[in-house]
C-alpha cells in the first residue's frame, strides 16, 4: 500500500474542505502528530481511522485509496445522471442545451490541438 499517496490525497481533500490538520485530527479523534504522519506517509493508518477521515472529508474511502486522476466513466456518467435527475422537467431543455454547447466546445478544442 502506498501510504504517501494516500496521505497526499487526504491532504488535498482536507485543504479543499478548508480544514487544518488540527481540525481534521480532532474530528477524526487522533492526535495532530498522527495526522501529520499520515499525510506525509510516515505511518500506517488503521481502517477505522481511514474510515473516520473519509467521513469527515465527505469522500469515500475508495477516493482516498485510489488515484482520482484516473476517472471512471461509469461513475462520472452516473453523477451526470444524478445532476440531470435533480432538475425540474421544464429545466431539462436548458441543461441539455448547456451540455451540448460544452460538448461542442470541447470537441472543437480537441480538433484544434
PDB file of N, CA and C in Angstrom:
ATOM      1  N   UNK A   1       0.852  -1.169   0.000  1.00  0.00           N
ATOM      2  CA  UNK A   1       0.000   0.000   0.000  1.00  0.00           C
ATOM      3  C   UNK A   1       0.900   1.235   0.000  1.00  0.00           C
ATOM      4  N   UNK A   2       0.530   2.233  -0.764  1.00  0.00           N
ATOM      5  CA  UNK A   2       1.318   3.451  -0.882  1.00  0.00           C
ATOM      6  C   UNK A   2       0.782   4.505   0.074  1.00  0.00           C
ATOM      7  N   UNK A   3       1.323   4.503   1.266  1.00  0.00           N
ATOM      8  CA  UNK A   3       0.820   5.390   2.315  1.00  0.00           C
ATOM      9  C   UNK A   3       1.090   6.861   2.017  1.00  0.00           C
ATOM     10  N   UNK A   4       2.203   7.156   1.342  1.00  0.00           N
ATOM     11  CA  UNK A   4       2.483   8.549   0.996  1.00  0.00           C
ATOM     12  C   UNK A   4       1.394   9.092   0.075  1.00  0.00           C
ATOM     13  N   UNK A   5       1.021   8.314  -0.937  1.00  0.00           N
ATOM     14  CA  UNK A   5      -0.010   8.757  -1.885  1.00  0.00           C
ATOM     15  C   UNK A   5      -1.365   8.909  -1.197  1.00  0.00           C
ATOM     16  N   UNK A   6      -1.688   8.006  -0.296  1.00  0.00           N
ATOM     17  CA  UNK A   6      -2.941   8.125   0.460  1.00  0.00           C
ATOM     18  C   UNK A   6      -2.905   9.406   1.287  1.00  0.00           C
ATOM     19  N   UNK A   7      -1.777   9.634   1.942  1.00  0.00           N
ATOM     20  CA  UNK A   7      -1.621  10.840   2.746  1.00  0.00           C
ATOM     21  C   UNK A   7      -1.762  12.108   1.929  1.00  0.00           C
ATOM     22  N   UNK A   8      -1.227  12.093   0.721  1.00  0.00           N
ATOM     23  CA  UNK A   8      -1.323  13.267  -0.142  1.00  0.00           C
ATOM     24  C   UNK A   8      -2.763  13.506  -0.593  1.00  0.00           C
ATOM     25  N   UNK A   9      -3.501  12.425  -0.830  1.00  0.00           N
ATOM     26  CA  UNK A   9      -4.916  12.574  -1.181  1.00  0.00           C
ATOM     27  C   UNK A   9      -5.696  13.148   0.001  1.00  0.00           C
ATOM     28  N   UNK A  10      -5.402  12.644   1.195  1.00  0.00           N
ATOM     29  CA  UNK A  10      -6.058  13.174   2.397  1.00  0.00           C
ATOM     30  C   UNK A  10      -5.762  14.663   2.523  1.00  0.00           C
ATOM     31  N   UNK A  11      -4.509  15.040   2.327  1.00  0.00           N
ATOM     32  CA  UNK A  11      -4.116  16.452   2.421  1.00  0.00           C
ATOM     33  C   UNK A  11      -4.882  17.298   1.407  1.00  0.00           C
ATOM     34  N   UNK A  12      -4.987  16.828   0.146  1.00  0.00           N
ATOM     35  CA  UNK A  12      -5.711  17.585  -0.884  1.00  0.00           C
ATOM     36  C   UNK A  12      -7.176  17.777  -0.502  1.00  0.00           C
ATOM     37  N   UNK A  13      -7.826  16.706  -0.078  1.00  0.00           N
ATOM     38  CA  UNK A  13      -9.236  16.806   0.313  1.00  0.00           C
ATOM     39  C   UNK A  13      -9.399  17.702   1.546  1.00  0.00           C
ATOM     40  N   UNK A  14      -8.477  17.578   2.498  1.00  0.00           N
ATOM     41  CA  UNK A  14      -8.550  18.397   3.711  1.00  0.00           C
ATOM     42  C   UNK A  14      -8.464  19.878   3.365  1.00  0.00           C
ATOM     43  N   UNK A  15      -7.508  20.212   2.514  1.00  0.00           N
ATOM     44  CA  UNK A  15      -7.341  21.612   2.119  1.00  0.00           C
ATOM     45  C   UNK A  15      -8.545  22.099   1.312  1.00  0.00           C
ATOM     46  N   UNK A  16      -9.081  21.235   0.460  1.00  0.00           N
ATOM     47  CA  UNK A  16     -10.261  21.606  -0.324  1.00  0.00           C
ATOM     48  C   UNK A  16     -11.456  21.886   0.585  1.00  0.00           C
ATOM     49  N   UNK A  17     -11.490  21.226   1.731  1.00  0.00           N
ATOM     50  CA  UNK A  17     -12.566  21.453   2.704  1.00  0.00           C
ATOM     51  C   UNK A  17     -12.271  22.642   3.611  1.00  0.00           C
ATOM     52  N   UNK A  18     -11.094  23.227   3.468  1.00  0.00           N
ATOM     53  CA  UNK A  18     -10.727  24.371   4.295  1.00  0.00           C
ATOM     54  C   UNK A  18     -10.423  23.998   5.738  1.00  0.00           C
ATOM     55  N   UNK A  19      -9.960  22.767   5.940  1.00  0.00           N
ATOM     56  CA  UNK A  19      -9.661  22.299   7.298  1.00  0.00           C
ATOM     57  C   UNK A  19      -8.163  22.298   7.561  1.00  0.00           C
ATOM     58  N   UNK A  20      -7.781  22.629   8.772  1.00  0.00           N
ATOM     59  CA  UNK A  20      -6.391  22.497   9.193  1.00  0.00           C
ATOM     60  C   UNK A  20      -6.148  21.048   9.598  1.00  0.00           C
ATOM     61  N   UNK A  21      -4.879  20.676   9.715  1.00  0.00           N
ATOM     62  CA  UNK A  21      -4.571  19.337  10.219  1.00  0.00           C
ATOM     63  C   UNK A  21      -5.158  19.164  11.616  1.00  0.00           C
ATOM     64  N   UNK A  22      -5.044  20.212  12.413  1.00  0.00           N
ATOM     65  CA  UNK A  22      -5.558  20.166  13.782  1.00  0.00           C
ATOM     66  C   UNK A  22      -7.065  19.900  13.806  1.00  0.00           C
ATOM     67  N   UNK A  23      -7.801  20.594  12.937  1.00  0.00           N
ATOM     68  CA  UNK A  23      -9.254  20.426  12.905  1.00  0.00           C
ATOM     69  C   UNK A  23      -9.639  19.018  12.462  1.00  0.00           C
ATOM     70  N   UNK A  24      -9.000  18.527  11.406  1.00  0.00           N
ATOM     71  CA  UNK A  24      -9.329  17.182  10.923  1.00  0.00           C
ATOM     72  C   UNK A  24      -8.927  16.129  11.945  1.00  0.00           C
ATOM     73  N   UNK A  25      -7.764  16.315  12.569  1.00  0.00           N
ATOM     74  CA  UNK A  25      -7.328  15.367  13.592  1.00  0.00           C
ATOM     75  C   UNK A  25      -8.349  15.303  14.727  1.00  0.00           C
ATOM     76  N   UNK A  26      -8.810  16.455  15.165  1.00  0.00           N
ATOM     77  CA  UNK A  26      -9.808  16.489  16.229  1.00  0.00           C
ATOM     78  C   UNK A  26     -11.086  15.786  15.843  1.00  0.00           C
ATOM     79  N   UNK A  27     -11.544  16.039  14.634  1.00  0.00           N
ATOM     80  CA  UNK A  27     -12.777  15.390  14.166  1.00  0.00           C
ATOM     81  C   UNK A  27     -12.615  13.888  14.029  1.00  0.00           C
ATOM     82  N   UNK A  28     -11.393  13.463  13.645  1.00  0.00           N
ATOM     83  CA  UNK A  28     -11.138  12.039  13.435  1.00  0.00           C
ATOM     84  C   UNK A  28     -10.760  11.324  14.729  1.00  0.00           C
ATOM     85  N   UNK A  29     -10.558  12.099  15.800  1.00  0.00           N
ATOM     86  CA  UNK A  29     -10.225  11.503  17.081  1.00  0.00           C
ATOM     87  C   UNK A  29      -8.791  11.014  17.182  1.00  0.00           C
ATOM     88  N   UNK A  30      -7.871  11.679  16.469  1.00  0.00           N
ATOM     89  CA  UNK A  30      -6.457  11.309  16.528  1.00  0.00           C
ATOM     90  C   UNK A  30      -5.635  12.555  16.869  1.00  0.00           C
ATOM     91  N   UNK A  31      -4.376  12.349  17.183  1.00  0.00           N
ATOM     92  CA  UNK A  31      -3.510  13.481  17.520  1.00  0.00           C
ATOM     93  C   UNK A  31      -3.088  14.228  16.252  1.00  0.00           C
ATOM     94  N   UNK A  32      -2.703  15.471  16.447  1.00  0.00           N
ATOM     95  CA  UNK A  32      -2.215  16.272  15.315  1.00  0.00           C
ATOM     96  C   UNK A  32      -0.951  15.634  14.742  1.00  0.00           C
ATOM     97  N   UNK A  33      -0.110  15.124  15.624  1.00  0.00           N
ATOM     98  CA  UNK A  33       1.126  14.469  15.177  1.00  0.00           C
ATOM     99  C   UNK A  33       0.805  13.263  14.300  1.00  0.00           C
ATOM    100  N   UNK A  34      -0.169  12.475  14.726  1.00  0.00           N
ATOM    101  CA  UNK A  34      -0.568  11.303  13.938  1.00  0.00           C
ATOM    102  C   UNK A  34      -1.101  11.741  12.578  1.00  0.00           C
ATOM    103  N   UNK A  35      -1.922  12.805  12.548  1.00  0.00           N
ATOM    104  CA  UNK A  35      -2.450  13.314  11.276  1.00  0.00           C
ATOM    105  C   UNK A  35      -1.310  13.753  10.368  1.00  0.00           C
ATOM    106  N   UNK A  36      -0.344  14.446  10.925  1.00  0.00           N
ATOM    107  CA  UNK A  36       0.810  14.886  10.142  1.00  0.00           C
ATOM    108  C   UNK A  36       1.561  13.695   9.556  1.00  0.00           C
ATOM    109  N   UNK A  37       1.765  12.669  10.386  1.00  0.00           N
ATOM    110  CA  UNK A  37       2.469  11.470   9.922  1.00  0.00           C
ATOM    111  C   UNK A  37       1.671  10.722   8.853  1.00  0.00           C
ATOM    112  N   UNK A  38       0.362  10.731   8.965  1.00  0.00           N
ATOM    113  CA  UNK A  38      -0.478  10.105   7.940  1.00  0.00           C
ATOM    114  C   UNK A  38      -0.298  10.837   6.614  1.00  0.00           C
ATOM    115  N   UNK A  39      -0.383  12.162   6.658  1.00  0.00           N
ATOM    116  CA  UNK A  39      -0.286  12.937   5.416  1.00  0.00           C
ATOM    117  C   UNK A  39       1.085  12.832   4.761  1.00  0.00           C
ATOM    118  N   UNK A  40       2.125  12.628   5.545  1.00  0.00           N
ATOM    119  CA  UNK A  40       3.468  12.506   4.972  1.00  0.00           C
ATOM    120  C   UNK A  40       3.840  11.061   4.661  1.00  0.00           C
ATOM    121  N   UNK A  41       2.949  10.136   4.984  1.00  0.00           N
ATOM    122  CA  UNK A  41       3.202   8.725   4.708  1.00  0.00           C
ATOM    123  C   UNK A  41       4.186   8.088   5.663  1.00  0.00           C
ATOM    124  N   UNK A  42       4.441   8.732   6.787  1.00  0.00           N
ATOM    125  CA  UNK A  42       5.405   8.216   7.760  1.00  0.00           C
ATOM    126  C   UNK A  42       4.809   7.230   8.744  1.00  0.00           C
ATOM    127  N   UNK A  43       3.534   6.963   8.613  1.00  0.00           N
ATOM    128  CA  UNK A  43       2.888   5.982   9.483  1.00  0.00           C
ATOM    129  C   UNK A  43       1.767   5.303   8.715  1.00  0.00           C
ATOM    130  N   UNK A  44       1.442   4.109   9.151  1.00  0.00           N
ATOM    131  CA  UNK A  44       0.297   3.401   8.584  1.00  0.00           C
ATOM    132  C   UNK A  44      -0.927   3.855   9.347  1.00  0.00           C
ATOM    133  N   UNK A  45      -2.079   3.796   8.698  1.00  0.00           N
ATOM    134  CA  UNK A  45      -3.301   4.156   9.399  1.00  0.00           C
ATOM    135  C   UNK A  45      -4.261   2.981   9.368  1.00  0.00           C
ATOM    136  N   UNK A  46      -5.007   2.857  10.437  1.00  0.00           N
ATOM    137  CA  UNK A  46      -5.949   1.749  10.554  1.00  0.00           C
ATOM    138  C   UNK A  46      -7.180   2.026   9.707  1.00  0.00           C
ATOM    139  N   UNK A  47      -7.905   0.972   9.428  1.00  0.00           N
ATOM    140  CA  UNK A  47      -9.142   1.104   8.671  1.00  0.00           C
ATOM    141  C   UNK A  47     -10.152   2.000   9.385  1.00  0.00           C
ATOM    142  N   UNK A  48     -10.336   1.860  10.708  1.00  0.00           N
ATOM    143  CA  UNK A  48     -11.277   2.772  11.385  1.00  0.00           C
ATOM    144  C   UNK A  48     -10.867   4.248  11.261  1.00  0.00           C
ATOM    145  N   UNK A  49      -9.565   4.544  11.352  1.00  0.00           N
ATOM    146  CA  UNK A  49      -9.108   5.932  11.216  1.00  0.00           C
ATOM    147  C   UNK A  49      -9.318   6.407   9.780  1.00  0.00           C
ATOM    148  N   UNK A  50      -8.965   5.567   8.819  1.00  0.00           N
ATOM    149  CA  UNK A  50      -9.179   5.940   7.413  1.00  0.00           C
ATOM    150  C   UNK A  50     -10.650   6.202   7.150  1.00  0.00           C
ATOM    151  N   UNK A  51     -11.512   5.346   7.680  1.00  0.00           N
ATOM    152  CA  UNK A  51     -12.950   5.499   7.502  1.00  0.00           C
ATOM    153  C   UNK A  51     -13.451   6.798   8.125  1.00  0.00           C
ATOM    154  N   UNK A  52     -12.970   7.126   9.323  1.00  0.00           N
ATOM    155  CA  UNK A  52     -13.399   8.348  10.004  1.00  0.00           C
ATOM    156  C   UNK A  52     -12.908   9.583   9.254  1.00  0.00           C
ATOM    157  N   UNK A  53     -11.678   9.551   8.751  1.00  0.00           N
ATOM    158  CA  UNK A  53     -11.152  10.678   7.966  1.00  0.00           C
ATOM    159  C   UNK A  53     -11.996  10.865   6.718  1.00  0.00           C
ATOM    160  N   UNK A  54     -12.293   9.784   6.014  1.00  0.00           N
ATOM    161  CA  UNK A  54     -13.120   9.870   4.807  1.00  0.00           C
ATOM    162  C   UNK A  54     -14.483  10.465   5.135  1.00  0.00           C
ATOM    163  N   UNK A  55     -15.081  10.019   6.226  1.00  0.00           N
ATOM    164  CA  UNK A  55     -16.384  10.540   6.647  1.00  0.00           C
ATOM    165  C   UNK A  55     -16.306  12.044   6.908  1.00  0.00           C
ATOM    166  N   UNK A  56     -15.274  12.477   7.618  1.00  0.00           N
ATOM    167  CA  UNK A  56     -15.132  13.896   7.953  1.00  0.00           C
ATOM    168  C   UNK A  56     -14.842  14.754   6.727  1.00  0.00           C
ATOM    169  N   UNK A  57     -14.229  14.158   5.695  1.00  0.00           N
ATOM    170  CA  UNK A  57     -13.943  14.881   4.459  1.00  0.00           C
ATOM    171  C   UNK A  57     -15.073  14.741   3.436  1.00  0.00           C
ATOM    172  N   UNK A  58     -16.101  13.975   3.796  1.00  0.00           N
ATOM    173  CA  UNK A  58     -17.248  13.725   2.907  1.00  0.00           C
ATOM    174  C   UNK A  58     -16.829  13.107   1.581  1.00  0.00           C
ATOM    175  N   UNK A  59     -15.919  12.140   1.666  1.00  0.00           N
ATOM    176  CA  UNK A  59     -15.487  11.396   0.483  1.00  0.00           C
ATOM    177  C   UNK A  59     -15.542   9.911   0.821  1.00  0.00           C
ATOM    178  N   UNK A  60     -15.482   9.093  -0.189  1.00  0.00           N
ATOM    179  CA  UNK A  60     -15.458   7.652   0.049  1.00  0.00           C
ATOM    180  C   UNK A  60     -14.041   7.218   0.429  1.00  0.00           C
ATOM    181  N   UNK A  61     -13.951   6.110   1.123  1.00  0.00           N
ATOM    182  CA  UNK A  61     -12.644   5.542   1.442  1.00  0.00           C
ATOM    183  C   UNK A  61     -11.908   5.255   0.140  1.00  0.00           C
ATOM    184  N   UNK A  62     -12.638   4.787  -0.858  1.00  0.00           N
ATOM    185  CA  UNK A  62     -12.052   4.491  -2.162  1.00  0.00           C
ATOM    186  C   UNK A  62     -11.372   5.722  -2.765  1.00  0.00           C
ATOM    187  N   UNK A  63     -11.970   6.896  -2.581  1.00  0.00           N
ATOM    188  CA  UNK A  63     -11.370   8.122  -3.118  1.00  0.00           C
ATOM    189  C   UNK A  63     -10.019   8.398  -2.471  1.00  0.00           C
ATOM    190  N   UNK A  64      -9.853   7.981  -1.229  1.00  0.00           N
ATOM    191  CA  UNK A  64      -8.571   8.177  -0.552  1.00  0.00           C
ATOM    192  C   UNK A  64      -7.556   7.096  -0.919  1.00  0.00           C
ATOM    193  N   UNK A  65      -8.057   5.918  -1.273  1.00  0.00           N
ATOM    194  CA  UNK A  65      -7.165   4.802  -1.583  1.00  0.00           C
ATOM    195  C   UNK A  65      -6.711   4.753  -3.032  1.00  0.00           C
ATOM    196  N   UNK A  66      -7.513   5.294  -3.928  1.00  0.00           N
ATOM    197  CA  UNK A  66      -7.198   5.165  -5.359  1.00  0.00           C
ATOM    198  C   UNK A  66      -6.904   6.510  -5.991  1.00  0.00           C
ATOM    199  N   UNK A  67      -6.249   6.459  -7.121  1.00  0.00           N
ATOM    200  CA  UNK A  67      -5.862   7.670  -7.841  1.00  0.00           C
ATOM    201  C   UNK A  67      -7.071   8.267  -8.538  1.00  0.00           C
ATOM    202  N   UNK A  68      -7.502   9.427  -8.050  1.00  0.00           N
ATOM    203  CA  UNK A  68      -8.679  10.095  -8.607  1.00  0.00           C
ATOM    204  C   UNK A  68      -8.409  10.680  -9.984  1.00  0.00           C
ATOM    205  N   UNK A  69      -7.136  10.731 -10.390  1.00  0.00           N
ATOM    206  CA  UNK A  69      -6.832  11.296 -11.704  1.00  0.00           C
ATOM    207  C   UNK A  69      -7.199  10.333 -12.829  1.00  0.00           C
ATOM    208  N   UNK A  70      -7.550   9.110 -12.471  1.00  0.00           N
ATOM    209  CA  UNK A  70      -7.991   8.127 -13.457  1.00  0.00           C
ATOM    210  C   UNK A  70      -9.504   7.999 -13.331  1.00  0.00           C
ATOM    211  N   UNK A  71     -10.253   8.839 -14.049  1.00  0.00           N
ATOM    212  CA  UNK A  71     -11.709   8.842 -13.883  1.00  0.00           C
ATOM    213  C   UNK A  71     -12.364   7.553 -14.386  1.00  0.00           C
ATOM    214  N   UNK A  72     -13.396   7.170 -13.701  1.00  0.00           N
ATOM    215  CA  UNK A  72     -14.201   6.019 -14.069  1.00  0.00           C
ATOM    216  C   UNK A  72     -15.415   6.547 -14.826  1.00  0.00           C
ATOM    217  N   UNK A  73     -15.487   6.247 -16.131  1.00  0.00           N
ATOM    218  CA  UNK A  73     -16.544   6.805 -16.968  1.00  0.00           C
ATOM    219  C   UNK A  73     -17.933   6.432 -16.457  1.00  0.00           C
ATOM    220  N   UNK A  74     -18.102   5.219 -15.991  1.00  0.00           N
ATOM    221  CA  UNK A  74     -19.416   4.803 -15.489  1.00  0.00           C
ATOM    222  C   UNK A  74     -19.816   5.621 -14.264  1.00  0.00           C
ATOM    223  N   UNK A  75     -18.863   5.851 -13.365  1.00  0.00           N
ATOM    224  CA  UNK A  75     -19.166   6.637 -12.165  1.00  0.00           C
ATOM    225  C   UNK A  75     -19.462   8.082 -12.527  1.00  0.00           C
ATOM    226  N   UNK A  76     -18.699   8.626 -13.464  1.00  0.00           N
ATOM    227  CA  UNK A  76     -18.936  10.006 -13.888  1.00  0.00           C
ATOM    228  C   UNK A  76     -20.274  10.143 -14.602  1.00  0.00           C
ATOM    229  N   UNK A  77     -20.614   9.167 -15.426  1.00  0.00           N
ATOM    230  CA  UNK A  77     -21.902   9.192 -16.113  1.00  0.00           C
ATOM    231  C   UNK A  77     -23.049   9.114 -15.115  1.00  0.00           C
ATOM    232  N   UNK A  78     -22.880   8.308 -14.092  1.00  0.00           N
ATOM    233  CA  UNK A  78     -23.909   8.199 -13.050  1.00  0.00           C
ATOM    234  C   UNK A  78     -24.069   9.532 -12.323  1.00  0.00           C
ATOM    235  N   UNK A  79     -22.947  10.232 -12.101  1.00  0.00           N
ATOM    236  CA  UNK A  79     -23.029  11.540 -11.441  1.00  0.00           C
ATOM    237  C   UNK A  79     -23.760  12.550 -12.317  1.00  0.00           C
ATOM    238  N   UNK A  80     -23.463  12.543 -13.614  1.00  0.00           N
ATOM    239  CA  UNK A  80     -24.169  13.439 -14.542  1.00  0.00           C
ATOM    240  C   UNK A  80     -25.659  13.120 -14.525  1.00  0.00           C
ATOM    241  N   UNK A  81     -26.006  11.845 -14.506  1.00  0.00           N
ATOM    242  CA  UNK A  81     -27.410  11.455 -14.467  1.00  0.00           C
ATOM    243  C   UNK A  81     -28.087  11.937 -13.194  1.00  0.00           C
ATOM    244  N   UNK A  82     -27.372  11.843 -12.061  1.00  0.00           N
ATOM    245  CA  UNK A  82     -27.924  12.335 -10.795  1.00  0.00           C
ATOM    246  C   UNK A  82     -28.206  13.834 -10.874  1.00  0.00           C
ATOM    247  N   UNK A  83     -27.291  14.553 -11.494  1.00  0.00           N
ATOM    248  CA  UNK A  83     -27.481  16.003 -11.646  1.00  0.00           C
ATOM    249  C   UNK A  83     -28.691  16.276 -12.523  1.00  0.00           C
ATOM    250  N   UNK A  84     -28.795  15.567 -13.641  1.00  0.00           N
ATOM    251  CA  UNK A  84     -29.943  15.761 -14.528  1.00  0.00           C
ATOM    252  C   UNK A  84     -31.251  15.406 -13.824  1.00  0.00           C
ATOM    253  N   UNK A  85     -31.215  14.355 -13.015  1.00  0.00           N
ATOM    254  CA  UNK A  85     -32.425  13.951 -12.285  1.00  0.00           C
ATOM    255  C   UNK A  85     -32.870  15.003 -11.274  1.00  0.00           C
ATOM    256  N   UNK A  86     -31.950  15.861 -10.856  1.00  0.00           N
ATOM    257  CA  UNK A  86     -32.292  16.880  -9.859  1.00  0.00           C
ATOM    258  C   UNK A  86     -33.033  18.071 -10.469  1.00  0.00           C
ATOM    259  N   UNK A  87     -33.040  18.178 -11.801  1.00  0.00           N
ATOM    260  CA  UNK A  87     -33.730  19.294 -12.450  1.00  0.00           C
ATOM    261  C   UNK A  87     -35.231  19.028 -12.564  1.00  0.00           C
ATOM    262  N   UNK A  88     -35.990  20.094 -12.571  1.00  0.00           N
ATOM    263  CA  UNK A  88     -37.415  20.002 -12.882  1.00  0.00           C
ATOM    264  C   UNK A  88     -37.535  19.745 -14.388  1.00  0.00           C
ATOM    265  N   UNK A  89     -38.651  19.179 -14.810  1.00  0.00           N
ATOM    266  CA  UNK A  89     -38.840  18.830 -16.218  1.00  0.00           C
ATOM    267  C   UNK A  89     -38.655  20.043 -17.123  1.00  0.00           C
ATOM    268  N   UNK A  90     -39.185  21.198 -16.721  1.00  0.00           N
ATOM    269  CA  UNK A  90     -39.075  22.385 -17.573  1.00  0.00           C
ATOM    270  C   UNK A  90     -37.661  22.965 -17.592  1.00  0.00           C
ATOM    271  N   UNK A  91     -36.780  22.526 -16.690  1.00  0.00           N
ATOM    272  CA  UNK A  91     -35.396  22.982 -16.665  1.00  0.00           C
ATOM    273  C   UNK A  91     -34.479  22.103 -17.523  1.00  0.00           C
ATOM    274  N   UNK A  92     -34.911  20.890 -17.824  1.00  0.00           N
ATOM    275  CA  UNK A  92     -34.073  19.951 -18.559  1.00  0.00           C
ATOM    276  C   UNK A  92     -33.648  20.441 -19.945  1.00  0.00           C
ATOM    277  N   UNK A  93     -34.517  21.080 -20.734  1.00  0.00           N
ATOM    278  CA  UNK A  93     -34.049  21.545 -22.045  1.00  0.00           C
ATOM    279  C   UNK A  93     -32.866  22.516 -21.943  1.00  0.00           C
ATOM    280  N   UNK A  94     -32.865  23.370 -20.934  1.00  0.00           N
ATOM    281  CA  UNK A  94     -31.751  24.302 -20.748  1.00  0.00           C
ATOM    282  C   UNK A  94     -30.484  23.529 -20.364  1.00  0.00           C
ATOM    283  N   UNK A  95     -30.621  22.569 -19.456  1.00  0.00           N
ATOM    284  CA  UNK A  95     -29.475  21.764 -19.039  1.00  0.00           C
ATOM    285  C   UNK A  95     -28.890  21.002 -20.230  1.00  0.00           C
ATOM    286  N   UNK A  96     -29.745  20.439 -21.043  1.00  0.00           N
ATOM    287  CA  UNK A  96     -29.287  19.699 -22.219  1.00  0.00           C
ATOM    288  C   UNK A  96     -28.606  20.635 -23.209  1.00  0.00           C
ATOM    289  N   UNK A  97     -29.151  21.818 -23.380  1.00  0.00           N
ATOM    290  CA  UNK A  97     -28.541  22.804 -24.274  1.00  0.00           C
ATOM    291  C   UNK A  97     -27.132  23.172 -23.788  1.00  0.00           C
ATOM    292  N   UNK A  98     -26.980  23.350 -22.495  1.00  0.00           N
ATOM    293  CA  UNK A  98     -25.671  23.674 -21.925  1.00  0.00           C
ATOM    294  C   UNK A  98     -24.696  22.512 -22.148  1.00  0.00           C
ATOM    295  N   UNK A  99     -25.156  21.289 -21.914  1.00  0.00           N
ATOM    296  CA  UNK A  99     -24.296  20.125 -22.132  1.00  0.00           C
ATOM    297  C   UNK A  99     -23.880  19.996 -23.594  1.00  0.00           C
ATOM    298  N   UNK A 100     -24.797  20.240 -24.508  1.00  0.00           N
ATOM    299  CA  UNK A 100     -24.453  20.175 -25.931  1.00  0.00           C
ATOM    300  C   UNK A 100     -23.428  21.242 -26.297  1.00  0.00           C
ATOM    301  N   UNK A 101     -23.604  22.447 -25.778  1.00  0.00           N
ATOM    302  CA  UNK A 101     -22.651  23.528 -26.050  1.00  0.00           C
ATOM    303  C   UNK A 101     -21.272  23.169 -25.487  1.00  0.00           C
ATOM    304  N   UNK A 102     -21.252  22.592 -24.313  1.00  0.00           N
ATOM    305  CA  UNK A 102     -19.996  22.173 -23.707  1.00  0.00           C
ATOM    306  C   UNK A 102     -19.332  21.081 -24.543  1.00  0.00           C
ATOM    307  N   UNK A 103     -20.123  20.095 -24.962  1.00  0.00           N
ATOM    308  CA  UNK A 103     -19.595  19.013 -25.801  1.00  0.00           C
ATOM    309  C   UNK A 103     -18.993  19.557 -27.083  1.00  0.00           C
ATOM    310  N   UNK A 104     -19.710  20.477 -27.735  1.00  0.00           N
ATOM    311  CA  UNK A 104     -19.233  21.044 -28.989  1.00  0.00           C
ATOM    312  C   UNK A 104     -17.963  21.862 -28.799  1.00  0.00           C
ATOM    313  N   UNK A 105     -17.908  22.640 -27.724  1.00  0.00           N
ATOM    314  CA  UNK A 105     -16.722  23.447 -27.449  1.00  0.00           C
ATOM    315  C   UNK A 105     -15.506  22.560 -27.163  1.00  0.00           C
ATOM    316  N   UNK A 106     -15.738  21.479 -26.427  1.00  0.00           N
ATOM    317  CA  UNK A 106     -14.629  20.574 -26.124  1.00  0.00           C
ATOM    318  C   UNK A 106     -14.167  19.831 -27.381  1.00  0.00           C
ATOM    319  N   UNK A 107     -15.081  19.448 -28.244  1.00  0.00           N
ATOM    320  CA  UNK A 107     -14.725  18.790 -29.492  1.00  0.00           C
ATOM    321  C   UNK A 107     -13.918  19.744 -30.376  1.00  0.00           C
ATOM    322  N   UNK A 108     -14.340  20.983 -30.426  1.00  0.00           N
ATOM    323  CA  UNK A 108     -13.610  21.978 -31.216  1.00  0.00           C
ATOM    324  C   UNK A 108     -12.197  22.161 -30.669  1.00  0.00           C
ATOM    325  N   UNK A 109     -12.071  22.207 -29.375  1.00  0.00           N
ATOM    326  CA  UNK A 109     -10.753  22.377 -28.750  1.00  0.00           C
ATOM    327  C   UNK A 109      -9.858  21.181 -29.037  1.00  0.00           C
ATOM    328  N   UNK A 110     -10.431  19.958 -28.984  1.00  0.00           N
ATOM    329  CA  UNK A 110      -9.654  18.752 -29.295  1.00  0.00           C
ATOM    330  C   UNK A 110      -9.164  18.794 -30.730  1.00  0.00           C
ATOM    331  N   UNK A 111     -10.031  19.231 -31.644  1.00  0.00           N
ATOM    332  CA  UNK A 111      -9.668  19.279 -33.058  1.00  0.00           C
ATOM    333  C   UNK A 111      -8.591  20.325 -33.356  1.00  0.00           C
ATOM    334  N   UNK A 112      -8.546  21.375 -32.540  1.00  0.00           N
ATOM    335  CA  UNK A 112      -7.547  22.429 -32.742  1.00  0.00           C
ATOM    336  C   UNK A 112      -6.173  22.004 -32.221  1.00  0.00           C
ATOM    337  N   UNK A 113      -6.167  21.032 -31.356  1.00  0.00           N
ATOM    338  CA  UNK A 113      -4.887  20.590 -30.746  1.00  0.00           C
ATOM    339  C   UNK A 113      -4.051  19.767 -31.671  1.00  0.00           C
TER     340      UNK A 113
END
